[in-house]
Every structure is written in C-alpha cells, then in structure tokens.
C-alpha cells in the first residue's frame, strides 16, 4: 500500500474515532440530563408522580390494589407521602406503573 492510501485510510480512521467520541459524549450528556430531570428531589413529590402516572394509565385505585396486593389505604398513603410506607411497597408500585428505580452513587470512589 502506498503512503497516500495509507495516509488517507489513517485519516478516515481518525475521523471515525472522533465521530464516535462525539456520539459517546452526547449520549453521556443526554443520560445526565435524563438523570437530573427524573431525580427524586423529595418523597411527597415522587408520590404525586406515581399517582399522576397511575391516572395517566387509566388505572383505578382498586385495580392497582388487585395488581399489586397492596391495600387502597396504603396506596393512598404512598401517593401522599412515600416515607409512610415500606420501601418494598414503593418498589412494587413503581414497577407496576412503569418506573425503573435505580440507585446511582454520585460520590467518587478511589
């Protein structure tokens, strides 16, 4: 292979790598925006989010009770202030309503 072809091919590979870097950076920025947008700031607000999602899905409280096995009174407490119910209950209801809860350690570890 002559030097001109080799140089052209090398430049093409460099361009592809730069494009991949840009795509990875954009994806990382998009994920960070999504994280910030969906971050749970306070539990009462999260309870409202869950209840709003339930209503958007057209799920009656009694239906959600049957789907999850969690009593209507507990669901009402959860929607008002999730700190009043067990974490497992929050997870079950959130998953049923299409939420994926995740824990992200934001502290740098050495």
PDB file of N, CA and C in Angstrom:
ATOM      1  N   UNK A   1       0.855  -1.167   0.000  1.00  0.00           N
ATOM      2  CA  UNK A   1       0.000   0.000   0.000  1.00  0.00           C
ATOM      3  C   UNK A   1       0.905   1.236   0.000  1.00  0.00           C
ATOM      4  N   UNK A   2       0.591   2.202  -0.885  1.00  0.00           N
ATOM      5  CA  UNK A   2       1.457   3.383  -0.934  1.00  0.00           C
ATOM      6  C   UNK A   2       1.126   4.353   0.201  1.00  0.00           C
ATOM      7  N   UNK A   3       2.015   5.323   0.387  1.00  0.00           N
ATOM      8  CA  UNK A   3       1.897   6.258   1.504  1.00  0.00           C
ATOM      9  C   UNK A   3       0.620   7.084   1.434  1.00  0.00           C
ATOM     10  N   UNK A   4       0.196   7.487   0.253  1.00  0.00           N
ATOM     11  CA  UNK A   4      -1.005   8.321   0.108  1.00  0.00           C
ATOM     12  C   UNK A   4      -2.249   7.551   0.555  1.00  0.00           C
ATOM     13  N   UNK A   5      -2.357   6.293   0.111  1.00  0.00           N
ATOM     14  CA  UNK A   5      -3.509   5.477   0.515  1.00  0.00           C
ATOM     15  C   UNK A   5      -3.489   5.223   2.021  1.00  0.00           C
ATOM     16  N   UNK A   6      -2.312   4.920   2.537  1.00  0.00           N
ATOM     17  CA  UNK A   6      -2.170   4.660   3.960  1.00  0.00           C
ATOM     18  C   UNK A   6      -2.537   5.898   4.779  1.00  0.00           C
ATOM     19  N   UNK A   7      -2.077   7.042   4.320  1.00  0.00           N
ATOM     20  CA  UNK A   7      -2.390   8.298   4.998  1.00  0.00           C
ATOM     21  C   UNK A   7      -3.887   8.587   4.956  1.00  0.00           C
ATOM     22  N   UNK A   8      -4.515   8.350   3.812  1.00  0.00           N
ATOM     23  CA  UNK A   8      -5.957   8.569   3.666  1.00  0.00           C
ATOM     24  C   UNK A   8      -6.736   7.628   4.572  1.00  0.00           C
ATOM     25  N   UNK A   9      -6.332   6.367   4.595  1.00  0.00           N
ATOM     26  CA  UNK A   9      -7.021   5.393   5.440  1.00  0.00           C
ATOM     27  C   UNK A   9      -6.857   5.744   6.920  1.00  0.00           C
ATOM     28  N   UNK A  10      -5.659   6.154   7.304  1.00  0.00           N
ATOM     29  CA  UNK A  10      -5.416   6.556   8.684  1.00  0.00           C
ATOM     30  C   UNK A  10      -6.270   7.770   9.059  1.00  0.00           C
ATOM     31  N   UNK A  11      -6.367   8.733   8.160  1.00  0.00           N
ATOM     32  CA  UNK A  11      -7.191   9.918   8.418  1.00  0.00           C
ATOM     33  C   UNK A  11      -8.665   9.536   8.543  1.00  0.00           C
ATOM     34  N   UNK A  12      -9.121   8.602   7.718  1.00  0.00           N
ATOM     35  CA  UNK A  12     -10.511   8.136   7.814  1.00  0.00           C
ATOM     36  C   UNK A  12     -10.779   7.485   9.173  1.00  0.00           C
ATOM     37  N   UNK A  13      -9.830   6.689   9.633  1.00  0.00           N
ATOM     38  CA  UNK A  13      -9.994   6.047  10.937  1.00  0.00           C
ATOM     39  C   UNK A  13      -9.994   7.075  12.065  1.00  0.00           C
ATOM     40  N   UNK A  14      -9.154   8.078  11.954  1.00  0.00           N
ATOM     41  CA  UNK A  14      -9.135   9.159  12.950  1.00  0.00           C
ATOM     42  C   UNK A  14     -10.474   9.884  12.957  1.00  0.00           C
ATOM     43  N   UNK A  15     -11.008  10.154  11.789  1.00  0.00           N
ATOM     44  CA  UNK A  15     -12.310  10.823  11.688  1.00  0.00           C
ATOM     45  C   UNK A  15     -13.416   9.971  12.308  1.00  0.00           C
ATOM     46  N   UNK A  16     -13.368   8.669  12.056  1.00  0.00           N
ATOM     47  CA  UNK A  16     -14.367   7.770  12.641  1.00  0.00           C
ATOM     48  C   UNK A  16     -14.260   7.752  14.165  1.00  0.00           C
ATOM     49  N   UNK A  17     -13.038   7.714  14.675  1.00  0.00           N
ATOM     50  CA  UNK A  17     -12.838   7.746  16.125  1.00  0.00           C
ATOM     51  C   UNK A  17     -13.361   9.050  16.727  1.00  0.00           C
ATOM     52  N   UNK A  18     -13.089  10.159  16.074  1.00  0.00           N
ATOM     53  CA  UNK A  18     -13.587  11.445  16.561  1.00  0.00           C
ATOM     54  C   UNK A  18     -15.111  11.481  16.557  1.00  0.00           C
ATOM     55  N   UNK A  19     -15.709  10.912  15.534  1.00  0.00           N
ATOM     56  CA  UNK A  19     -17.172  10.854  15.460  1.00  0.00           C
ATOM     57  C   UNK A  19     -17.729   9.991  16.595  1.00  0.00           C
ATOM     58  N   UNK A  20     -17.091   8.862  16.856  1.00  0.00           N
ATOM     59  CA  UNK A  20     -17.514   8.001  17.966  1.00  0.00           C
ATOM     60  C   UNK A  20     -17.377   8.716  19.309  1.00  0.00           C
ATOM     61  N   UNK A  21     -16.291   9.473  19.473  1.00  0.00           N
ATOM     62  CA  UNK A  21     -16.113  10.247  20.706  1.00  0.00           C
ATOM     63  C   UNK A  21     -17.243  11.255  20.888  1.00  0.00           C
ATOM     64  N   UNK A  22     -17.594  11.946  19.805  1.00  0.00           N
ATOM     65  CA  UNK A  22     -18.685  12.928  19.866  1.00  0.00           C
ATOM     66  C   UNK A  22     -20.008  12.253  20.226  1.00  0.00           C
ATOM     67  N   UNK A  23     -20.272  11.102  19.625  1.00  0.00           N
ATOM     68  CA  UNK A  23     -21.508  10.371  19.923  1.00  0.00           C
ATOM     69  C   UNK A  23     -21.541   9.918  21.378  1.00  0.00           C
ATOM     70  N   UNK A  24     -20.420   9.422  21.872  1.00  0.00           N
ATOM     71  CA  UNK A  24     -20.353   8.965  23.265  1.00  0.00           C
ATOM     72  C   UNK A  24     -20.556  10.133  24.226  1.00  0.00           C
ATOM     73  N   UNK A  25     -19.957  11.272  23.923  1.00  0.00           N
ATOM     74  CA  UNK A  25     -20.116  12.457  24.762  1.00  0.00           C
ATOM     75  C   UNK A  25     -21.561  12.932  24.764  1.00  0.00           C
ATOM     76  N   UNK A  26     -22.193  12.939  23.588  1.00  0.00           N
ATOM     77  CA  UNK A  26     -23.592  13.357  23.501  1.00  0.00           C
ATOM     78  C   UNK A  26     -24.483  12.402  24.283  1.00  0.00           C
ATOM     79  N   UNK A  27     -24.238  11.108  24.166  1.00  0.00           N
ATOM     80  CA  UNK A  27     -25.028  10.123  24.904  1.00  0.00           C
ATOM     81  C   UNK A  27     -24.856  10.324  26.408  1.00  0.00           C
ATOM     82  N   UNK A  28     -23.638  10.570  26.836  1.00  0.00           N
ATOM     83  CA  UNK A  28     -23.380  10.808  28.258  1.00  0.00           C
ATOM     84  C   UNK A  28     -24.108  12.066  28.738  1.00  0.00           C
ATOM     85  N   UNK A  29     -24.092  13.121  27.928  1.00  0.00           N
ATOM     86  CA  UNK A  29     -24.795  14.355  28.284  1.00  0.00           C
ATOM     87  C   UNK A  29     -26.304  14.134  28.334  1.00  0.00           C
ATOM     88  N   UNK A  30     -26.838  13.385  27.378  1.00  0.00           N
ATOM     89  CA  UNK A  30     -28.274  13.082  27.364  1.00  0.00           C
ATOM     90  C   UNK A  30     -28.677  12.277  28.595  1.00  0.00           C
ATOM     91  N   UNK A  31     -27.850  11.308  28.966  1.00  0.00           N
ATOM     92  CA  UNK A  31     -28.133  10.499  30.153  1.00  0.00           C
ATOM     93  C   UNK A  31     -28.097  11.355  31.414  1.00  0.00           C
ATOM     94  N   UNK A  32     -27.150  12.287  31.473  1.00  0.00           N
ATOM     95  CA  UNK A  32     -27.056  13.177  32.632  1.00  0.00           C
ATOM     96  C   UNK A  32     -28.294  14.072  32.719  1.00  0.00           C
ATOM     97  N   UNK A  33     -28.761  14.581  31.580  1.00  0.00           N
ATOM     98  CA  UNK A  33     -29.976  15.406  31.564  1.00  0.00           C
ATOM     99  C   UNK A  33     -31.176  14.597  32.029  1.00  0.00           C
ATOM    100  N   UNK A  34     -31.280  13.363  31.555  1.00  0.00           N
ATOM    101  CA  UNK A  34     -32.383  12.489  31.954  1.00  0.00           C
ATOM    102  C   UNK A  34     -32.318  12.200  33.450  1.00  0.00           C
ATOM    103  N   UNK A  35     -31.126  11.954  33.947  1.00  0.00           N
ATOM    104  CA  UNK A  35     -30.936  11.715  35.374  1.00  0.00           C
ATOM    105  C   UNK A  35     -31.395  12.924  36.179  1.00  0.00           C
ATOM    106  N   UNK A  36     -30.962  14.113  35.779  1.00  0.00           N
ATOM    107  CA  UNK A  36     -31.330  15.331  36.503  1.00  0.00           C
ATOM    108  C   UNK A  36     -32.826  15.592  36.424  1.00  0.00           C
ATOM    109  N   UNK A  37     -33.413  15.335  35.266  1.00  0.00           N
ATOM    110  CA  UNK A  37     -34.847  15.568  35.077  1.00  0.00           C
ATOM    111  C   UNK A  37     -35.679  14.647  35.964  1.00  0.00           C
ATOM    112  N   UNK A  38     -35.253  13.407  36.109  1.00  0.00           N
ATOM    113  CA  UNK A  38     -36.040  12.405  36.823  1.00  0.00           C
ATOM    114  C   UNK A  38     -35.564  12.140  38.245  1.00  0.00           C
ATOM    115  N   UNK A  39     -34.635  12.933  38.704  1.00  0.00           N
ATOM    116  CA  UNK A  39     -34.106  12.762  40.048  1.00  0.00           C
ATOM    117  C   UNK A  39     -35.219  13.003  41.073  1.00  0.00           C
ATOM    118  N   UNK A  40     -35.302  12.131  42.059  1.00  0.00           N
ATOM    119  CA  UNK A  40     -36.303  12.277  43.116  1.00  0.00           C
ATOM    120  C   UNK A  40     -35.762  13.298  44.114  1.00  0.00           C
ATOM    121  N   UNK A  41     -36.369  14.483  44.106  1.00  0.00           N
ATOM    122  CA  UNK A  41     -35.920  15.552  44.996  1.00  0.00           C
ATOM    123  C   UNK A  41     -36.506  15.404  46.394  1.00  0.00           C
ATOM    124  N   UNK A  42     -37.788  15.045  46.458  1.00  0.00           N
ATOM    125  CA  UNK A  42     -38.410  14.825  47.758  1.00  0.00           C
ATOM    126  C   UNK A  42     -39.491  13.763  47.607  1.00  0.00           C
ATOM    127  N   UNK A  43     -39.737  13.039  48.673  1.00  0.00           N
ATOM    128  CA  UNK A  43     -40.651  11.898  48.612  1.00  0.00           C
ATOM    129  C   UNK A  43     -42.098  12.280  48.312  1.00  0.00           C
ATOM    130  N   UNK A  44     -42.652  13.337  48.909  1.00  0.00           N
ATOM    131  CA  UNK A  44     -44.038  13.680  48.561  1.00  0.00           C
ATOM    132  C   UNK A  44     -44.218  13.958  47.064  1.00  0.00           C
ATOM    133  N   UNK A  45     -43.231  14.610  46.453  1.00  0.00           N
ATOM    134  CA  UNK A  45     -43.313  14.868  45.011  1.00  0.00           C
ATOM    135  C   UNK A  45     -43.290  13.554  44.230  1.00  0.00           C
ATOM    136  N   UNK A  46     -42.459  12.615  44.660  1.00  0.00           N
ATOM    137  CA  UNK A  46     -42.402  11.319  43.989  1.00  0.00           C
ATOM    138  C   UNK A  46     -43.729  10.586  44.120  1.00  0.00           C
ATOM    139  N   UNK A  47     -44.345  10.669  45.297  1.00  0.00           N
ATOM    140  CA  UNK A  47     -45.669  10.070  45.479  1.00  0.00           C
ATOM    141  C   UNK A  47     -46.679  10.648  44.501  1.00  0.00           C
ATOM    142  N   UNK A  48     -46.609  11.957  44.296  1.00  0.00           N
ATOM    143  CA  UNK A  48     -47.507  12.609  43.329  1.00  0.00           C
ATOM    144  C   UNK A  48     -47.207  12.131  41.911  1.00  0.00           C
ATOM    145  N   UNK A  49     -45.919  11.954  41.604  1.00  0.00           N
ATOM    146  CA  UNK A  49     -45.546  11.444  40.278  1.00  0.00           C
ATOM    147  C   UNK A  49     -46.147  10.060  40.043  1.00  0.00           C
ATOM    148  N   UNK A  50     -46.060   9.217  41.046  1.00  0.00           N
ATOM    149  CA  UNK A  50     -46.621   7.869  40.918  1.00  0.00           C
ATOM    150  C   UNK A  50     -48.130   7.928  40.705  1.00  0.00           C
ATOM    151  N   UNK A  51     -48.802   8.769  41.466  1.00  0.00           N
ATOM    152  CA  UNK A  51     -50.251   8.879  41.351  1.00  0.00           C
ATOM    153  C   UNK A  51     -50.650   9.457  39.996  1.00  0.00           C
ATOM    154  N   UNK A  52     -49.903  10.438  39.525  1.00  0.00           N
ATOM    155  CA  UNK A  52     -50.169  11.020  38.204  1.00  0.00           C
ATOM    156  C   UNK A  52     -50.014   9.963  37.119  1.00  0.00           C
ATOM    157  N   UNK A  53     -48.973   9.151  37.223  1.00  0.00           N
ATOM    158  CA  UNK A  53     -48.754   8.083  36.245  1.00  0.00           C
ATOM    159  C   UNK A  53     -49.901   7.082  36.271  1.00  0.00           C
ATOM    160  N   UNK A  54     -50.351   6.745  37.461  1.00  0.00           N
ATOM    161  CA  UNK A  54     -51.486   5.815  37.598  1.00  0.00           C
ATOM    162  C   UNK A  54     -52.701   6.364  36.858  1.00  0.00           C
ATOM    163  N   UNK A  55     -52.967   7.638  37.052  1.00  0.00           N
ATOM    164  CA  UNK A  55     -54.123   8.264  36.403  1.00  0.00           C
ATOM    165  C   UNK A  55     -53.942   8.331  34.887  1.00  0.00           C
ATOM    166  N   UNK A  56     -52.720   8.659  34.445  1.00  0.00           N
ATOM    167  CA  UNK A  56     -52.447   8.706  33.000  1.00  0.00           C
ATOM    168  C   UNK A  56     -52.662   7.344  32.348  1.00  0.00           C
ATOM    169  N   UNK A  57     -52.344   6.295  33.084  1.00  0.00           N
ATOM    170  CA  UNK A  57     -52.532   4.935  32.569  1.00  0.00           C
ATOM    171  C   UNK A  57     -53.982   4.476  32.681  1.00  0.00           C
ATOM    172  N   UNK A  58     -54.807   5.280  33.344  1.00  0.00           N
ATOM    173  CA  UNK A  58     -56.218   4.927  33.494  1.00  0.00           C
ATOM    174  C   UNK A  58     -56.447   3.780  34.462  1.00  0.00           C
ATOM    175  N   UNK A  59     -55.575   3.654  35.453  1.00  0.00           N
ATOM    176  CA  UNK A  59     -55.684   2.562  36.423  1.00  0.00           C
ATOM    177  C   UNK A  59     -56.398   3.082  37.668  1.00  0.00           C
ATOM    178  N   UNK A  60     -57.510   2.475  37.979  1.00  0.00           N
ATOM    179  CA  UNK A  60     -58.240   2.827  39.200  1.00  0.00           C
ATOM    180  C   UNK A  60     -57.470   2.322  40.414  1.00  0.00           C
ATOM    181  N   UNK A  61     -57.700   2.959  41.537  1.00  0.00           N
ATOM    182  CA  UNK A  61     -57.030   2.570  42.771  1.00  0.00           C
ATOM    183  C   UNK A  61     -57.317   1.112  43.128  1.00  0.00           C
ATOM    184  N   UNK A  62     -58.563   0.703  42.948  1.00  0.00           N
ATOM    185  CA  UNK A  62     -58.924  -0.691  43.266  1.00  0.00           C
ATOM    186  C   UNK A  62     -58.232  -1.677  42.326  1.00  0.00           C
ATOM    187  N   UNK A  63     -58.051  -1.276  41.081  1.00  0.00           N
ATOM    188  CA  UNK A  63     -57.344  -2.130  40.116  1.00  0.00           C
ATOM    189  C   UNK A  63     -55.881  -2.272  40.515  1.00  0.00           C
ATOM    190  N   UNK A  64     -55.265  -1.153  40.892  1.00  0.00           N
ATOM    191  CA  UNK A  64     -53.867  -1.196  41.325  1.00  0.00           C
ATOM    192  C   UNK A  64     -53.724  -2.046  42.586  1.00  0.00           C
ATOM    193  N   UNK A  65     -54.716  -1.976  43.443  1.00  0.00           N
ATOM    194  CA  UNK A  65     -54.723  -2.807  44.649  1.00  0.00           C
ATOM    195  C   UNK A  65     -54.710  -4.286  44.271  1.00  0.00           C
ATOM    196  N   UNK A  66     -55.532  -4.660  43.300  1.00  0.00           N
ATOM    197  CA  UNK A  66     -55.573  -6.064  42.861  1.00  0.00           C
ATOM    198  C   UNK A  66     -54.279  -6.469  42.165  1.00  0.00           C
ATOM    199  N   UNK A  67     -53.701  -5.558  41.376  1.00  0.00           N
ATOM    200  CA  UNK A  67     -52.472  -5.876  40.645  1.00  0.00           C
ATOM    201  C   UNK A  67     -51.277  -6.060  41.572  1.00  0.00           C
ATOM    202  N   UNK A  68     -51.238  -5.281  42.638  1.00  0.00           N
ATOM    203  CA  UNK A  68     -50.051  -5.280  43.499  1.00  0.00           C
ATOM    204  C   UNK A  68     -50.230  -6.030  44.814  1.00  0.00           C
ATOM    205  N   UNK A  69     -51.475  -6.242  45.218  1.00  0.00           N
ATOM    206  CA  UNK A  69     -51.715  -6.850  46.523  1.00  0.00           C
ATOM    207  C   UNK A  69     -51.515  -5.871  47.670  1.00  0.00           C
ATOM    208  N   UNK A  70     -51.468  -4.593  47.351  1.00  0.00           N
ATOM    209  CA  UNK A  70     -51.272  -3.541  48.355  1.00  0.00           C
ATOM    210  C   UNK A  70     -52.607  -2.840  48.567  1.00  0.00           C
ATOM    211  N   UNK A  71     -53.008  -2.686  49.813  1.00  0.00           N
ATOM    212  CA  UNK A  71     -54.329  -2.129  50.120  1.00  0.00           C
ATOM    213  C   UNK A  71     -54.476  -0.694  49.614  1.00  0.00           C
ATOM    214  N   UNK A  72     -55.714  -0.317  49.337  1.00  0.00           N
ATOM    215  CA  UNK A  72     -56.002   1.044  48.868  1.00  0.00           C
ATOM    216  C   UNK A  72     -55.545   2.088  49.875  1.00  0.00           C
ATOM    217  N   UNK A  73     -55.718   1.793  51.153  1.00  0.00           N
ATOM    218  CA  UNK A  73     -55.306   2.772  52.170  1.00  0.00           C
ATOM    219  C   UNK A  73     -53.787   2.978  52.148  1.00  0.00           C
ATOM    220  N   UNK A  74     -53.041   1.897  51.946  1.00  0.00           N
ATOM    221  CA  UNK A  74     -51.581   2.020  51.850  1.00  0.00           C
ATOM    222  C   UNK A  74     -51.195   2.764  50.578  1.00  0.00           C
ATOM    223  N   UNK A  75     -51.890   2.485  49.481  1.00  0.00           N
ATOM    224  CA  UNK A  75     -51.612   3.196  48.229  1.00  0.00           C
ATOM    225  C   UNK A  75     -51.859   4.693  48.397  1.00  0.00           C
ATOM    226  N   UNK A  76     -52.933   5.051  49.065  1.00  0.00           N
ATOM    227  CA  UNK A  76     -53.229   6.470  49.295  1.00  0.00           C
ATOM    228  C   UNK A  76     -52.126   7.125  50.125  1.00  0.00           C
ATOM    229  N   UNK A  77     -51.650   6.421  51.151  1.00  0.00           N
ATOM    230  CA  UNK A  77     -50.552   6.958  51.967  1.00  0.00           C
ATOM    231  C   UNK A  77     -49.292   7.103  51.130  1.00  0.00           C
ATOM    232  N   UNK A  78     -49.029   6.110  50.283  1.00  0.00           N
ATOM    233  CA  UNK A  78     -47.852   6.157  49.415  1.00  0.00           C
ATOM    234  C   UNK A  78     -47.920   7.371  48.498  1.00  0.00           C
ATOM    235  N   UNK A  79     -49.078   7.610  47.887  1.00  0.00           N
ATOM    236  CA  UNK A  79     -49.210   8.723  46.953  1.00  0.00           C
ATOM    237  C   UNK A  79     -49.118  10.076  47.659  1.00  0.00           C
ATOM    238  N   UNK A  80     -49.479  10.099  48.926  1.00  0.00           N
ATOM    239  CA  UNK A  80     -49.402  11.345  49.692  1.00  0.00           C
ATOM    240  C   UNK A  80     -47.978  11.592  50.185  1.00  0.00           C
ATOM    241  N   UNK A  81     -47.370  10.563  50.759  1.00  0.00           N
ATOM    242  CA  UNK A  81     -46.015  10.681  51.297  1.00  0.00           C
ATOM    243  C   UNK A  81     -45.390   9.289  51.397  1.00  0.00           C
ATOM    244  N   UNK A  82     -44.567   8.924  50.415  1.00  0.00           N
ATOM    245  CA  UNK A  82     -43.973   7.583  50.388  1.00  0.00           C
ATOM    246  C   UNK A  82     -43.167   7.211  51.632  1.00  0.00           C
ATOM    247  N   UNK A  83     -42.754   8.184  52.418  1.00  0.00           N
ATOM    248  CA  UNK A  83     -41.981   7.845  53.623  1.00  0.00           C
ATOM    249  C   UNK A  83     -42.843   7.115  54.653  1.00  0.00           C
ATOM    250  N   UNK A  84     -44.157   7.090  54.439  1.00  0.00           N
ATOM    251  CA  UNK A  84     -45.072   6.422  55.366  1.00  0.00           C
ATOM    252  C   UNK A  84     -45.227   4.925  55.077  1.00  0.00           C
ATOM    253  N   UNK A  85     -44.614   4.447  54.009  1.00  0.00           N
ATOM    254  CA  UNK A  85     -44.757   3.030  53.647  1.00  0.00           C
ATOM    255  C   UNK A  85     -43.376   2.395  53.483  1.00  0.00           C
ATOM    256  N   UNK A  86     -43.353   1.072  53.446  1.00  0.00           N
ATOM    257  CA  UNK A  86     -42.096   0.339  53.279  1.00  0.00           C
ATOM    258  C   UNK A  86     -41.513   0.589  51.890  1.00  0.00           C
ATOM    259  N   UNK A  87     -40.191   0.563  51.825  1.00  0.00           N
ATOM    260  CA  UNK A  87     -39.510   0.769  50.547  1.00  0.00           C
ATOM    261  C   UNK A  87     -39.923  -0.290  49.532  1.00  0.00           C
ATOM    262  N   UNK A  88     -40.090  -1.514  49.980  1.00  0.00           N
ATOM    263  CA  UNK A  88     -40.506  -2.600  49.084  1.00  0.00           C
ATOM    264  C   UNK A  88     -41.853  -2.273  48.444  1.00  0.00           C
ATOM    265  N   UNK A  89     -42.748  -1.661  49.202  1.00  0.00           N
ATOM    266  CA  UNK A  89     -44.060  -1.270  48.676  1.00  0.00           C
ATOM    267  C   UNK A  89     -43.898  -0.232  47.572  1.00  0.00           C
ATOM    268  N   UNK A  90     -43.027   0.742  47.808  1.00  0.00           N
ATOM    269  CA  UNK A  90     -42.755   1.768  46.798  1.00  0.00           C
ATOM    270  C   UNK A  90     -42.233   1.109  45.527  1.00  0.00           C
ATOM    271  N   UNK A  91     -41.302   0.175  45.681  1.00  0.00           N
ATOM    272  CA  UNK A  91     -40.716  -0.505  44.519  1.00  0.00           C
ATOM    273  C   UNK A  91     -41.763  -1.277  43.728  1.00  0.00           C
ATOM    274  N   UNK A  92     -42.644  -1.972  44.420  1.00  0.00           N
ATOM    275  CA  UNK A  92     -43.680  -2.761  43.740  1.00  0.00           C
ATOM    276  C   UNK A  92     -44.602  -1.848  42.939  1.00  0.00           C
ATOM    277  N   UNK A  93     -45.063  -0.774  43.566  1.00  0.00           N
ATOM    278  CA  UNK A  93     -45.985   0.145  42.887  1.00  0.00           C
ATOM    279  C   UNK A  93     -45.277   0.849  41.733  1.00  0.00           C
ATOM    280  N   UNK A  94     -44.058   1.307  41.971  1.00  0.00           N
ATOM    281  CA  UNK A  94     -43.309   1.994  40.917  1.00  0.00           C
ATOM    282  C   UNK A  94     -43.118   1.086  39.703  1.00  0.00           C
ATOM    283  N   UNK A  95     -42.726  -0.150  39.938  1.00  0.00           N
ATOM    284  CA  UNK A  95     -42.527  -1.095  38.833  1.00  0.00           C
ATOM    285  C   UNK A  95     -43.837  -1.362  38.100  1.00  0.00           C
ATOM    286  N   UNK A  96     -44.914  -1.522  38.843  1.00  0.00           N
ATOM    287  CA  UNK A  96     -46.219  -1.775  38.236  1.00  0.00           C
ATOM    288  C   UNK A  96     -46.639  -0.618  37.337  1.00  0.00           C
ATOM    289  N   UNK A  97     -46.265   0.599  37.729  1.00  0.00           N
ATOM    290  CA  UNK A  97     -46.640   1.789  36.956  1.00  0.00           C
ATOM    291  C   UNK A  97     -45.613   2.144  35.878  1.00  0.00           C
ATOM    292  N   UNK A  98     -44.584   1.308  35.725  1.00  0.00           N
ATOM    293  CA  UNK A  98     -43.626   1.506  34.639  1.00  0.00           C
ATOM    294  C   UNK A  98     -42.395   2.310  35.000  1.00  0.00           C
ATOM    295  N   UNK A  99     -42.164   2.533  36.286  1.00  0.00           N
ATOM    296  CA  UNK A  99     -40.969   3.249  36.721  1.00  0.00           C
ATOM    297  C   UNK A  99     -39.847   2.250  36.959  1.00  0.00           C
ATOM    298  N   UNK A 100     -38.636   2.633  36.590  1.00  0.00           N
ATOM    299  CA  UNK A 100     -37.446   1.867  36.937  1.00  0.00           C
ATOM    300  C   UNK A 100     -36.683   2.682  37.962  1.00  0.00           C
ATOM    301  N   UNK A 101     -36.615   2.188  39.170  1.00  0.00           N
ATOM    302  CA  UNK A 101     -35.859   2.884  40.203  1.00  0.00           C
ATOM    303  C   UNK A 101     -34.426   2.390  40.163  1.00  0.00           C
ATOM    304  N   UNK A 102     -33.501   3.320  40.278  1.00  0.00           N
ATOM    305  CA  UNK A 102     -32.103   2.908  40.322  1.00  0.00           C
ATOM    306  C   UNK A 102     -31.374   3.771  41.335  1.00  0.00           C
ATOM    307  N   UNK A 103     -30.345   3.229  41.890  1.00  0.00           N
ATOM    308  CA  UNK A 103     -29.516   3.963  42.837  1.00  0.00           C
ATOM    309  C   UNK A 103     -28.180   4.233  42.166  1.00  0.00           C
ATOM    310  N   UNK A 104     -27.826   5.492  42.114  1.00  0.00           N
ATOM    311  CA  UNK A 104     -26.565   5.875  41.489  1.00  0.00           C
ATOM    312  C   UNK A 104     -25.699   6.530  42.554  1.00  0.00           C
ATOM    313  N   UNK A 105     -24.547   5.961  42.782  1.00  0.00           N
ATOM    314  CA  UNK A 105     -23.611   6.524  43.743  1.00  0.00           C
ATOM    315  C   UNK A 105     -22.926   7.715  43.087  1.00  0.00           C
ATOM    316  N   UNK A 106     -23.217   8.905  43.579  1.00  0.00           N
ATOM    317  CA  UNK A 106     -22.646  10.113  42.980  1.00  0.00           C
ATOM    318  C   UNK A 106     -21.354  10.545  43.659  1.00  0.00           C
ATOM    319  N   UNK A 107     -20.923   9.793  44.663  1.00  0.00           N
ATOM    320  CA  UNK A 107     -19.663  10.099  45.328  1.00  0.00           C
ATOM    321  C   UNK A 107     -18.536   9.355  44.628  1.00  0.00           C
ATOM    322  N   UNK A 108     -17.488  10.070  44.352  1.00  0.00           N
ATOM    323  CA  UNK A 108     -16.334   9.463  43.684  1.00  0.00           C
ATOM    324  C   UNK A 108     -15.651   8.499  44.640  1.00  0.00           C
ATOM    325  N   UNK A 109     -15.372   7.311  44.138  1.00  0.00           N
ATOM    326  CA  UNK A 109     -14.655   6.325  44.940  1.00  0.00           C
ATOM    327  C   UNK A 109     -13.247   6.190  44.399  1.00  0.00           C
ATOM    328  N   UNK A 110     -12.318   6.081  45.292  1.00  0.00           N
ATOM    329  CA  UNK A 110     -10.918   5.962  44.863  1.00  0.00           C
ATOM    330  C   UNK A 110     -10.480   4.532  44.834  1.00  0.00           C
TER     331      UNK A 110
END
